[in-house]
C-alpha atoms as a PDB file:
ATOM      1  CA  MET A   1      -0.068   0.172   0.267  1.00  0.00           C
ATOM      2  CA  ALA A   2       1.156   3.276  -1.651  1.00  0.00           C
ATOM      3  CA  ALA A   3       2.035   5.957   2.096  1.00  0.00           C
ATOM      4  CA  ASN A   4      -0.745   8.011   1.187  1.00  0.00           C
ATOM      5  CA  GLY A   5      -2.896   5.271  -0.034  1.00  0.00           C
ATOM      6  CA  ILE A   6      -4.071   7.881  -3.298  1.00  0.00           C
ATOM      7  CA  SER A   7      -3.280   4.755  -5.729  1.00  0.00           C
ATOM      8  CA  THR A   8      -5.225   2.124  -3.719  1.00  0.00           C
ATOM      9  CA  LEU A   9      -8.419   4.286  -4.219  1.00  0.00           C
ATOM     10  CA  SER A  10     -10.640   2.853  -6.552  1.00  0.00           C
ATOM     11  CA  LEU A  11     -12.147   4.882  -9.451  1.00  0.00           C
ATOM     12  CA  LYS A  12      -9.648   7.152 -11.189  1.00  0.00           C
ATOM     13  CA  LYS A  13     -11.951   9.906  -9.902  1.00  0.00           C
ATOM     14  CA  VAL A  14     -11.973   9.259  -6.342  1.00  0.00           C
ATOM     15  CA  ARG A  15      -8.180   9.419  -6.722  1.00  0.00           C
ATOM     16  CA  GLN A  16      -8.115  12.450  -8.432  1.00  0.00           C
ATOM     17  CA  ASP A  17     -10.439  14.626  -6.209  1.00  0.00           C
ATOM     18  CA  THR A  18      -8.183  13.132  -3.344  1.00  0.00           C
ATOM     19  CA  LYS A  19      -4.983  14.847  -4.968  1.00  0.00           C
ATOM     20  CA  LEU A  20      -7.563  18.068  -5.177  1.00  0.00           C
ATOM     21  CA  ALA A  21      -8.385  17.933  -1.999  1.00  0.00           C
ATOM     22  CA  LYS A  22      -4.688  17.892  -0.286  1.00  0.00           C
ATOM     23  CA  ALA A  23      -3.352  20.493  -2.921  1.00  0.00           C
ATOM     24  CA  GLU A  24      -6.334  22.438  -2.048  1.00  0.00           C
ATOM     25  CA  ALA A  25      -5.706  21.884   1.582  1.00  0.00           C
ATOM     26  CA  LYS A  26      -1.832  22.696   1.385  1.00  0.00           C
ATOM     27  CA  ARG A  27      -2.839  25.767  -0.475  1.00  0.00           C
ATOM     28  CA  GLN A  28      -4.753  27.085   2.507  1.00  0.00           C
ATOM     29  CA  GLY A  29      -1.506  26.505   4.720  1.00  0.00           C
ATOM     30  CA  LYS A  30      -3.195  23.174   6.544  1.00  0.00           C
ATOM     31  CA  THR A  31      -1.353  20.876   7.507  1.00  0.00           C
ATOM     32  CA  VAL A  32      -1.131  17.520   5.487  1.00  0.00           C
ATOM     33  CA  ALA A  33       0.224  14.237   7.158  1.00  0.00           C
ATOM     34  CA  VAL A  34       2.437  11.616   5.374  1.00  0.00           C
ATOM     35  CA  ASP A  35      -0.960   9.293   5.660  1.00  0.00           C
ATOM     36  CA  GLY A  36      -3.246  12.072   4.012  1.00  0.00           C
ATOM     37  CA  THR A  37      -4.849  13.413   6.953  1.00  0.00           C
ATOM     38  CA  ILE A  38      -6.196  16.838   6.911  1.00  0.00           C
ATOM     39  CA  SER A  39      -6.432  18.890   9.267  1.00  0.00           C
ATOM     40  CA  GLY A  40      -6.261  22.666  10.590  1.00  0.00           C
ATOM     41  CA  SER A  41      -7.128  25.929   9.308  1.00  0.00           C
ATOM     42  CA  VAL A  42      -5.920  28.011   7.047  1.00  0.00           C
ATOM     43  CA  ASP A  43      -2.668  29.416   7.827  1.00  0.00           C
ATOM     44  CA  THR A  44      -1.455  32.722   6.378  1.00  0.00           C
ATOM     45  CA  SER A  45       1.494  32.429   7.297  1.00  0.00           C
ATOM     46  CA  ALA A  46       1.983  28.607   6.521  1.00  0.00           C
ATOM     47  CA  VAL A  47       4.864  28.246   3.403  1.00  0.00           C
ATOM     48  CA  SER A  48       2.740  26.641   1.662  1.00  0.00           C
ATOM     49  CA  TYR A  49      -0.045  29.387   1.514  1.00  0.00           C
ATOM     50  CA  ARG A  50      -0.858  30.840  -1.216  1.00  0.00           C
ATOM     51  CA  ALA A  51      -3.462  33.580  -1.494  1.00  0.00           C
ATOM     52  CA  LEU A  52      -5.315  32.052  -4.771  1.00  0.00           C
ATOM     53  CA  ASN A  53      -6.407  28.663  -2.320  1.00  0.00           C
ATOM     54  CA  THR A  54      -9.709  27.454  -3.261  1.00  0.00           C
ATOM     55  CA  LEU A  55     -10.113  24.841  -5.780  1.00  0.00           C
ATOM     56  CA  ASN A  56     -13.145  25.881  -9.026  1.00  0.00           C
ATOM     57  CA  LEU A  57     -13.319  22.676 -10.628  1.00  0.00           C
ATOM     58  CA  ASN A  58     -15.209  23.763 -13.326  1.00  0.00           C
ATOM     59  CA  ARG A  59     -11.877  25.566 -15.081  1.00  0.00           C
ATOM     60  CA  LEU A  60     -10.107  21.727 -14.819  1.00  0.00           C
ATOM     61  CA  PRO A  61      -9.654  21.308 -18.870  1.00  0.00           C
ATOM     62  CA  THR A  62     -11.411  17.439 -17.899  1.00  0.00           C
ATOM     63  CA  ARG A  63     -12.723  16.072 -14.874  1.00  0.00           C
ATOM     64  CA  TYR A  64     -13.112  12.005 -14.800  1.00  0.00           C
ATOM     65  CA  ASN A  65     -16.726  10.568 -14.764  1.00  0.00           C
ATOM     66  CA  ALA A  66     -18.052   9.543 -11.825  1.00  0.00           C
ATOM     67  CA  SER A  67     -19.027   6.566 -12.217  1.00  0.00           C
ATOM     68  CA  ASP A  68     -16.678   5.407 -14.990  1.00  0.00           C
ATOM     69  CA  ASN A  69     -14.148   3.381 -13.888  1.00  0.00           C
ATOM     70  CA  ASN A  70     -13.026   2.763 -17.217  1.00  0.00           C
ATOM     71  CA  GLY A  71     -11.113   6.132 -16.966  1.00  0.00           C
ATOM     72  CA  ALA A  72     -13.283   7.876 -19.062  1.00  0.00           C
ATOM     73  CA  LEU A  73     -12.470  11.796 -19.304  1.00  0.00           C
ATOM     74  CA  THR A  74     -15.454  14.766 -19.311  1.00  0.00           C
ATOM     75  CA  ASP A  75     -14.047  17.542 -21.217  1.00  0.00           C
ATOM     76  CA  ASN A  76     -14.442  20.813 -20.152  1.00  0.00           C
ATOM     77  CA  ALA A  77     -14.105  23.086 -23.445  1.00  0.00           C
ATOM     78  CA  GLY A  78     -13.318  26.336 -23.679  1.00  0.00           C
ATOM     79  CA  VAL A  79     -11.621  26.407 -20.375  1.00  0.00           C
ATOM     80  CA  PRO A  80      -9.582  29.812 -21.112  1.00  0.00           C
ATOM     81  CA  VAL A  81      -6.539  28.837 -18.364  1.00  0.00           C
ATOM     82  CA  ALA A  82      -5.796  25.146 -18.254  1.00  0.00           C
ATOM     83  CA  SER A  83      -2.979  25.211 -15.766  1.00  0.00           C
ATOM     84  CA  ARG A  84      -5.223  27.214 -13.324  1.00  0.00           C
ATOM     85  CA  PRO A  85      -8.169  26.596 -11.514  1.00  0.00           C
ATOM     86  CA  TRP A  86      -7.747  28.300  -8.380  1.00  0.00           C
ATOM     87  CA  SER A  87      -9.439  31.242  -7.209  1.00  0.00           C
END
């Protein structure tokens, strides 16, 4: 089993959502343990804190379908800045 537990999750969508939740927590200065547990509150003095720290899923270029384990993607056509899903 992976230390963070992500690679053993069953659906690609669940793995994606878990990674995004961790990234959002880190950008907010929260504590993310090695096992993936998120704790604490927003800490503006943390080294990892970013002003743009709220994830907007509609700005992602693609998303995994909710019930598809084969990796089918939903394309968010017209996403203006695909690499910047943060607001």
